[in-house]
Amino acid sequence: MNDLTWFKSSYSSGDGGECLEAALTWHRSSYSDGDGGQCVEVAPCPTAIHVRDSKQHPTTAPTLSVPATAWRAFLGLVRG
């Protein structure tokens, strides 16, 4: 999955003023199966990596944001 997911900044007002939207490009893990099971997606950014469960709706799925340095350390441990 390589779709852009747009979201409005939490600092934007509800009446259309000062709106900023950003997009993340999500990548599904190669270990996720095609039947909707155990799907993990990540969206890398320069300073953070965003992680979500792709079985949930993309616009409402909760995400975990991890500093890029912590993500690299995590990958070093799991690749061991």
PDB file of N, CA and C in Angstrom:
ATOM      1  N   MET A   1       0.866  -1.176   0.000  1.00  0.00           N
ATOM      2  CA  MET A   1       0.000   0.000   0.000  1.00  0.00           C
ATOM      3  C   MET A   1       0.899   1.220   0.000  1.00  0.00           C
ATOM      4  N   ASN A   2       0.678   2.080  -0.948  1.00  0.00           N
ATOM      5  CA  ASN A   2       1.521   3.258  -1.075  1.00  0.00           C
ATOM      6  C   ASN A   2       0.643   4.482  -1.303  1.00  0.00           C
ATOM      7  N   ASP A   3      -0.404   4.615  -0.522  1.00  0.00           N
ATOM      8  CA  ASP A   3      -1.350   5.710  -0.672  1.00  0.00           C
ATOM      9  C   ASP A   3      -0.998   6.865   0.248  1.00  0.00           C
ATOM     10  N   LEU A   4      -1.297   8.068  -0.205  1.00  0.00           N
ATOM     11  CA  LEU A   4      -1.152   9.232   0.661  1.00  0.00           C
ATOM     12  C   LEU A   4      -2.390   9.348   1.525  1.00  0.00           C
ATOM     13  N   THR A   5      -2.205   9.595   2.790  1.00  0.00           N
ATOM     14  CA  THR A   5      -3.310   9.837   3.700  1.00  0.00           C
ATOM     15  C   THR A   5      -3.178  11.256   4.205  1.00  0.00           C
ATOM     16  N   TRP A   6      -4.158  12.092   3.889  1.00  0.00           N
ATOM     17  CA  TRP A   6      -4.137  13.499   4.277  1.00  0.00           C
ATOM     18  C   TRP A   6      -4.835  13.676   5.606  1.00  0.00           C
ATOM     19  N   PHE A   7      -4.314  14.551   6.444  1.00  0.00           N
ATOM     20  CA  PHE A   7      -4.961  14.856   7.707  1.00  0.00           C
ATOM     21  C   PHE A   7      -4.755  16.325   8.029  1.00  0.00           C
ATOM     22  N   LYS A   8      -5.748  16.895   8.729  1.00  0.00           N
ATOM     23  CA  LYS A   8      -5.711  18.305   9.087  1.00  0.00           C
ATOM     24  C   LYS A   8      -4.955  18.482  10.399  1.00  0.00           C
ATOM     25  N   SER A   9      -4.176  19.516  10.479  1.00  0.00           N
ATOM     26  CA  SER A   9      -3.447  19.828  11.702  1.00  0.00           C
ATOM     27  C   SER A   9      -4.414  20.038  12.858  1.00  0.00           C
ATOM     28  N   SER A  10      -4.026  19.582  14.031  1.00  0.00           N
ATOM     29  CA  SER A  10      -4.870  19.774  15.210  1.00  0.00           C
ATOM     30  C   SER A  10      -4.932  21.254  15.606  1.00  0.00           C
ATOM     31  N   TYR A  11      -4.065  22.089  15.050  1.00  0.00           N
ATOM     32  CA  TYR A  11      -4.073  23.515  15.346  1.00  0.00           C
ATOM     33  C   TYR A  11      -5.000  24.289  14.415  1.00  0.00           C
ATOM     34  N   SER A  12      -5.558  23.620  13.393  1.00  0.00           N
ATOM     35  CA  SER A  12      -6.477  24.283  12.478  1.00  0.00           C
ATOM     36  C   SER A  12      -7.833  24.460  13.150  1.00  0.00           C
ATOM     37  N   SER A  13      -8.457  25.598  12.888  1.00  0.00           N
ATOM     38  CA  SER A  13      -9.777  25.839  13.476  1.00  0.00           C
ATOM     39  C   SER A  13     -10.838  25.092  12.684  1.00  0.00           C
ATOM     40  N   GLY A  14     -11.984  24.878  13.282  1.00  0.00           N
ATOM     41  CA  GLY A  14     -13.071  24.163  12.641  1.00  0.00           C
ATOM     42  C   GLY A  14     -13.828  24.979  11.618  1.00  0.00           C
ATOM     43  N   ASP A  15     -13.603  26.290  11.578  1.00  0.00           N
ATOM     44  CA  ASP A  15     -14.356  27.141  10.651  1.00  0.00           C
ATOM     45  C   ASP A  15     -13.587  27.436   9.365  1.00  0.00           C
ATOM     46  N   GLY A  16     -12.542  26.668   9.077  1.00  0.00           N
ATOM     47  CA  GLY A  16     -11.811  26.823   7.822  1.00  0.00           C
ATOM     48  C   GLY A  16     -10.630  27.766   7.899  1.00  0.00           C
ATOM     49  N   GLY A  17     -10.399  28.384   9.034  1.00  0.00           N
ATOM     50  CA  GLY A  17      -9.270  29.302   9.157  1.00  0.00           C
ATOM     51  C   GLY A  17      -7.987  28.583   9.539  1.00  0.00           C
ATOM     52  N   GLU A  18      -6.893  29.089   9.048  1.00  0.00           N
ATOM     53  CA  GLU A  18      -5.561  28.596   9.375  1.00  0.00           C
ATOM     54  C   GLU A  18      -5.437  27.077   9.246  1.00  0.00           C
ATOM     55  N   CYS A  19      -5.932  26.534   8.140  1.00  0.00           N
ATOM     56  CA  CYS A  19      -5.901  25.080   7.941  1.00  0.00           C
ATOM     57  C   CYS A  19      -4.592  24.651   7.283  1.00  0.00           C
ATOM     58  N   LEU A  20      -4.048  23.611   7.795  1.00  0.00           N
ATOM     59  CA  LEU A  20      -2.861  22.992   7.233  1.00  0.00           C
ATOM     60  C   LEU A  20      -3.133  21.505   7.156  1.00  0.00           C
ATOM     61  N   GLU A  21      -2.893  20.930   5.992  1.00  0.00           N
ATOM     62  CA  GLU A  21      -3.027  19.492   5.854  1.00  0.00           C
ATOM     63  C   GLU A  21      -1.683  18.926   5.454  1.00  0.00           C
ATOM     64  N   ALA A  22      -1.407  17.762   5.940  1.00  0.00           N
ATOM     65  CA  ALA A  22      -0.156  17.076   5.627  1.00  0.00           C
ATOM     66  C   ALA A  22      -0.479  15.678   5.146  1.00  0.00           C
ATOM     67  N   ALA A  23       0.416  15.099   4.393  1.00  0.00           N
ATOM     68  CA  ALA A  23       0.193  13.747   3.869  1.00  0.00           C
ATOM     69  C   ALA A  23       1.312  12.830   4.298  1.00  0.00           C
ATOM     70  N   LEU A  24       0.929  11.620   4.611  1.00  0.00           N
ATOM     71  CA  LEU A  24       1.890  10.570   4.916  1.00  0.00           C
ATOM     72  C   LEU A  24       1.768   9.491   3.854  1.00  0.00           C
ATOM     73  N   THR A  25       2.882   8.934   3.439  1.00  0.00           N
ATOM     74  CA  THR A  25       2.877   7.806   2.520  1.00  0.00           C
ATOM     75  C   THR A  25       3.073   6.548   3.346  1.00  0.00           C
ATOM     76  N   TRP A  26       2.056   5.695   3.367  1.00  0.00           N
ATOM     77  CA  TRP A  26       2.084   4.484   4.187  1.00  0.00           C
ATOM     78  C   TRP A  26       2.595   3.308   3.384  1.00  0.00           C
ATOM     79  N   HIS A  27       3.421   2.472   4.027  1.00  0.00           N
ATOM     80  CA  HIS A  27       3.983   1.268   3.422  1.00  0.00           C
ATOM     81  C   HIS A  27       3.622   0.071   4.290  1.00  0.00           C
ATOM     82  N   ARG A  28       3.024  -0.947   3.682  1.00  0.00           N
ATOM     83  CA  ARG A  28       2.632  -2.154   4.425  1.00  0.00           C
ATOM     84  C   ARG A  28       3.835  -3.083   4.567  1.00  0.00           C
ATOM     85  N   SER A  29       3.928  -3.706   5.711  1.00  0.00           N
ATOM     86  CA  SER A  29       5.004  -4.659   5.967  1.00  0.00           C
ATOM     87  C   SER A  29       4.936  -5.817   4.978  1.00  0.00           C
ATOM     88  N   SER A  30       6.087  -6.258   4.513  1.00  0.00           N
ATOM     89  CA  SER A  30       6.128  -7.408   3.605  1.00  0.00           C
ATOM     90  C   SER A  30       5.732  -8.699   4.322  1.00  0.00           C
ATOM     91  N   TYR A  31       5.696  -8.675   5.651  1.00  0.00           N
ATOM     92  CA  TYR A  31       5.289  -9.841   6.431  1.00  0.00           C
ATOM     93  C   TYR A  31       3.783  -9.889   6.650  1.00  0.00           C
ATOM     94  N   SER A  32       3.051  -8.839   6.275  1.00  0.00           N
ATOM     95  CA  SER A  32       1.597  -8.830   6.416  1.00  0.00           C
ATOM     96  C   SER A  32       0.997  -9.701   5.321  1.00  0.00           C
ATOM     97  N   ASP A  33      -0.020 -10.469   5.682  1.00  0.00           N
ATOM     98  CA  ASP A  33      -0.628 -11.316   4.659  1.00  0.00           C
ATOM     99  C   ASP A  33      -1.702 -10.541   3.901  1.00  0.00           C
ATOM    100  N   GLY A  34      -2.113 -11.071   2.757  1.00  0.00           N
ATOM    101  CA  GLY A  34      -3.085 -10.408   1.904  1.00  0.00           C
ATOM    102  C   GLY A  34      -4.519 -10.572   2.349  1.00  0.00           C
ATOM    103  N   ASP A  35      -4.761 -11.348   3.398  1.00  0.00           N
ATOM    104  CA  ASP A  35      -6.120 -11.611   3.859  1.00  0.00           C
ATOM    105  C   ASP A  35      -6.554 -10.683   4.979  1.00  0.00           C
ATOM    106  N   GLY A  36      -5.803  -9.640   5.248  1.00  0.00           N
ATOM    107  CA  GLY A  36      -6.183  -8.681   6.277  1.00  0.00           C
ATOM    108  C   GLY A  36      -5.661  -9.014   7.657  1.00  0.00           C
ATOM    109  N   GLY A  37      -4.852 -10.033   7.780  1.00  0.00           N
ATOM    110  CA  GLY A  37      -4.319 -10.397   9.082  1.00  0.00           C
ATOM    111  C   GLY A  37      -2.936  -9.836   9.333  1.00  0.00           C
ATOM    112  N   GLN A  38      -2.681  -9.473  10.557  1.00  0.00           N
ATOM    113  CA  GLN A  38      -1.376  -9.006  11.019  1.00  0.00           C
ATOM    114  C   GLN A  38      -0.761  -7.946  10.120  1.00  0.00           C
ATOM    115  N   CYS A  39      -1.545  -6.946   9.784  1.00  0.00           N
ATOM    116  CA  CYS A  39      -1.082  -5.889   8.886  1.00  0.00           C
ATOM    117  C   CYS A  39      -0.529  -4.705   9.667  1.00  0.00           C
ATOM    118  N   VAL A  40       0.712  -4.397   9.403  1.00  0.00           N
ATOM    119  CA  VAL A  40       1.361  -3.248  10.010  1.00  0.00           C
ATOM    120  C   VAL A  40       1.826  -2.349   8.881  1.00  0.00           C
ATOM    121  N   GLU A  41       1.578  -1.043   9.035  1.00  0.00           N
ATOM    122  CA  GLU A  41       2.029  -0.076   8.054  1.00  0.00           C
ATOM    123  C   GLU A  41       2.867   0.986   8.746  1.00  0.00           C
ATOM    124  N   VAL A  42       3.846   1.506   8.028  1.00  0.00           N
ATOM    125  CA  VAL A  42       4.676   2.585   8.547  1.00  0.00           C
ATOM    126  C   VAL A  42       4.704   3.726   7.532  1.00  0.00           C
ATOM    127  N   ALA A  43       4.846   4.929   8.053  1.00  0.00           N
ATOM    128  CA  ALA A  43       4.989   6.126   7.224  1.00  0.00           C
ATOM    129  C   ALA A  43       6.221   6.868   7.742  1.00  0.00           C
ATOM    130  N   PRO A  44       7.342   6.742   7.031  1.00  0.00           N
ATOM    131  CA  PRO A  44       8.552   7.424   7.490  1.00  0.00           C
ATOM    132  C   PRO A  44       8.532   8.913   7.170  1.00  0.00           C
ATOM    133  N   CYS A  45       9.007   9.697   8.103  1.00  0.00           N
ATOM    134  CA  CYS A  45       9.206  11.138   7.956  1.00  0.00           C
ATOM    135  C   CYS A  45      10.628  11.434   8.431  1.00  0.00           C
ATOM    136  N   PRO A  46      11.146  12.599   8.157  1.00  0.00           N
ATOM    137  CA  PRO A  46      12.531  12.886   8.548  1.00  0.00           C
ATOM    138  C   PRO A  46      12.810  12.748  10.045  1.00  0.00           C
ATOM    139  N   THR A  47      11.882  13.142  10.884  1.00  0.00           N
ATOM    140  CA  THR A  47      12.163  13.118  12.318  1.00  0.00           C
ATOM    141  C   THR A  47      11.367  12.082  13.087  1.00  0.00           C
ATOM    142  N   ALA A  48      10.422  11.404  12.432  1.00  0.00           N
ATOM    143  CA  ALA A  48       9.587  10.426  13.128  1.00  0.00           C
ATOM    144  C   ALA A  48       9.129   9.344  12.167  1.00  0.00           C
ATOM    145  N   ILE A  49       8.799   8.193  12.730  1.00  0.00           N
ATOM    146  CA  ILE A  49       8.206   7.092  11.987  1.00  0.00           C
ATOM    147  C   ILE A  49       6.819   6.883  12.582  1.00  0.00           C
ATOM    148  N   HIS A  50       5.812   6.833  11.720  1.00  0.00           N
ATOM    149  CA  HIS A  50       4.440   6.645  12.169  1.00  0.00           C
ATOM    150  C   HIS A  50       4.047   5.196  11.873  1.00  0.00           C
ATOM    151  N   VAL A  51       3.394   4.539  12.830  1.00  0.00           N
ATOM    152  CA  VAL A  51       3.033   3.132  12.712  1.00  0.00           C
ATOM    153  C   VAL A  51       1.534   3.000  12.969  1.00  0.00           C
ATOM    154  N   ARG A  52       0.863   2.151  12.181  1.00  0.00           N
ATOM    155  CA  ARG A  52      -0.565   1.909  12.400  1.00  0.00           C
ATOM    156  C   ARG A  52      -0.939   0.487  12.005  1.00  0.00           C
ATOM    157  N   ASP A  53      -2.101   0.091  12.463  1.00  0.00           N
ATOM    158  CA  ASP A  53      -2.695  -1.200  12.133  1.00  0.00           C
ATOM    159  C   ASP A  53      -3.587  -0.977  10.919  1.00  0.00           C
ATOM    160  N   SER A  54      -3.236  -1.561   9.787  1.00  0.00           N
ATOM    161  CA  SER A  54      -3.970  -1.281   8.559  1.00  0.00           C
ATOM    162  C   SER A  54      -5.321  -1.978   8.492  1.00  0.00           C
ATOM    163  N   LYS A  55      -5.639  -2.815   9.460  1.00  0.00           N
ATOM    164  CA  LYS A  55      -6.962  -3.445   9.469  1.00  0.00           C
ATOM    165  C   LYS A  55      -8.034  -2.433   9.862  1.00  0.00           C
ATOM    166  N   GLN A  56      -7.616  -1.296  10.398  1.00  0.00           N
ATOM    167  CA  GLN A  56      -8.555  -0.251  10.790  1.00  0.00           C
ATOM    168  C   GLN A  56      -8.674   0.772   9.663  1.00  0.00           C
ATOM    169  N   HIS A  57      -9.722   1.594   9.737  1.00  0.00           N
ATOM    170  CA  HIS A  57      -9.942   2.604   8.693  1.00  0.00           C
ATOM    171  C   HIS A  57      -8.785   3.596   8.684  1.00  0.00           C
ATOM    172  N   PRO A  58      -8.226   3.901   7.507  1.00  0.00           N
ATOM    173  CA  PRO A  58      -7.031   4.749   7.438  1.00  0.00           C
ATOM    174  C   PRO A  58      -7.184   6.152   8.008  1.00  0.00           C
ATOM    175  N   THR A  59      -8.358   6.725   7.955  1.00  0.00           N
ATOM    176  CA  THR A  59      -8.503   8.092   8.463  1.00  0.00           C
ATOM    177  C   THR A  59      -8.795   8.147   9.953  1.00  0.00           C
ATOM    178  N   THR A  60      -9.170   7.013  10.551  1.00  0.00           N
ATOM    179  CA  THR A  60      -9.476   7.019  11.984  1.00  0.00           C
ATOM    180  C   THR A  60      -8.587   6.089  12.796  1.00  0.00           C
ATOM    181  N   ALA A  61      -7.742   5.327  12.141  1.00  0.00           N
ATOM    182  CA  ALA A  61      -6.867   4.389  12.852  1.00  0.00           C
ATOM    183  C   ALA A  61      -5.886   5.151  13.741  1.00  0.00           C
ATOM    184  N   PRO A  62      -5.739   4.738  14.978  1.00  0.00           N
ATOM    185  CA  PRO A  62      -4.737   5.386  15.822  1.00  0.00           C
ATOM    186  C   PRO A  62      -3.336   5.081  15.292  1.00  0.00           C
ATOM    187  N   THR A  63      -2.441   6.024  15.465  1.00  0.00           N
ATOM    188  CA  THR A  63      -1.065   5.830  15.030  1.00  0.00           C
ATOM    189  C   THR A  63      -0.121   6.023  16.203  1.00  0.00           C
ATOM    190  N   LEU A  64       0.980   5.362  16.114  1.00  0.00           N
ATOM    191  CA  LEU A  64       2.062   5.512  17.079  1.00  0.00           C
ATOM    192  C   LEU A  64       3.173   6.248  16.357  1.00  0.00           C
ATOM    193  N   SER A  65       3.641   7.343  16.918  1.00  0.00           N
ATOM    194  CA  SER A  65       4.740   8.106  16.324  1.00  0.00           C
ATOM    195  C   SER A  65       5.980   7.913  17.180  1.00  0.00           C
ATOM    196  N   VAL A  66       7.055   7.503  16.526  1.00  0.00           N
ATOM    197  CA  VAL A  66       8.302   7.177  17.214  1.00  0.00           C
ATOM    198  C   VAL A  66       9.414   8.040  16.624  1.00  0.00           C
ATOM    199  N   PRO A  67      10.260   8.639  17.458  1.00  0.00           N
ATOM    200  CA  PRO A  67      11.396   9.388  16.906  1.00  0.00           C
ATOM    201  C   PRO A  67      12.240   8.494  15.988  1.00  0.00           C
ATOM    202  N   ALA A  68      12.745   9.062  14.915  1.00  0.00           N
ATOM    203  CA  ALA A  68      13.511   8.287  13.933  1.00  0.00           C
ATOM    204  C   ALA A  68      14.711   7.581  14.574  1.00  0.00           C
ATOM    205  N   THR A  69      15.354   8.212  15.531  1.00  0.00           N
ATOM    206  CA  THR A  69      16.505   7.578  16.183  1.00  0.00           C
ATOM    207  C   THR A  69      16.073   6.346  16.979  1.00  0.00           C
ATOM    208  N   ALA A  70      14.932   6.413  17.634  1.00  0.00           N
ATOM    209  CA  ALA A  70      14.419   5.258  18.381  1.00  0.00           C
ATOM    210  C   ALA A  70      14.020   4.140  17.427  1.00  0.00           C
ATOM    211  N   TRP A  71      13.459   4.483  16.283  1.00  0.00           N
ATOM    212  CA  TRP A  71      13.066   3.481  15.288  1.00  0.00           C
ATOM    213  C   TRP A  71      14.299   2.741  14.763  1.00  0.00           C
ATOM    214  N   ARG A  72      15.361   3.489  14.464  1.00  0.00           N
ATOM    215  CA  ARG A  72      16.597   2.840  13.989  1.00  0.00           C
ATOM    216  C   ARG A  72      17.156   1.900  15.056  1.00  0.00           C
ATOM    217  N   ALA A  73      17.108   2.300  16.319  1.00  0.00           N
ATOM    218  CA  ALA A  73      17.579   1.445  17.403  1.00  0.00           C
ATOM    219  C   ALA A  73      16.708   0.190  17.500  1.00  0.00           C
ATOM    220  N   PHE A  74      15.394   0.341  17.391  1.00  0.00           N
ATOM    221  CA  PHE A  74      14.474  -0.799  17.404  1.00  0.00           C
ATOM    222  C   PHE A  74      14.795  -1.766  16.279  1.00  0.00           C
ATOM    223  N   LEU A  75      14.970  -1.256  15.061  1.00  0.00           N
ATOM    224  CA  LEU A  75      15.287  -2.116  13.929  1.00  0.00           C
ATOM    225  C   LEU A  75      16.606  -2.847  14.136  1.00  0.00           C
ATOM    226  N   GLY A  76      17.583  -2.162  14.730  1.00  0.00           N
ATOM    227  CA  GLY A  76      18.858  -2.816  15.010  1.00  0.00           C
ATOM    228  C   GLY A  76      18.690  -4.001  15.964  1.00  0.00           C
ATOM    229  N   LEU A  77      17.796  -3.877  16.915  1.00  0.00           N
ATOM    230  CA  LEU A  77      17.541  -4.957  17.873  1.00  0.00           C
ATOM    231  C   LEU A  77      16.803  -6.129  17.222  1.00  0.00           C
ATOM    232  N   VAL A  78      15.781  -5.857  16.421  1.00  0.00           N
ATOM    233  CA  VAL A  78      14.991  -6.948  15.850  1.00  0.00           C
ATOM    234  C   VAL A  78      15.722  -7.636  14.696  1.00  0.00           C
ATOM    235  N   ARG A  79      16.608  -6.922  14.045  1.00  0.00           N
ATOM    236  CA  ARG A  79      17.388  -7.546  12.955  1.00  0.00           C
ATOM    237  C   ARG A  79      18.559  -8.337  13.517  1.00  0.00           C
ATOM    238  N   GLY A  80      18.986  -7.934  14.730  1.00  0.00           N
ATOM    239  CA  GLY A  80      20.038  -8.535  15.508  1.00  0.00           C
ATOM    240  C   GLY A  80      20.964  -9.380  14.812  1.00  0.00           C
TER     241      GLY A  80
END
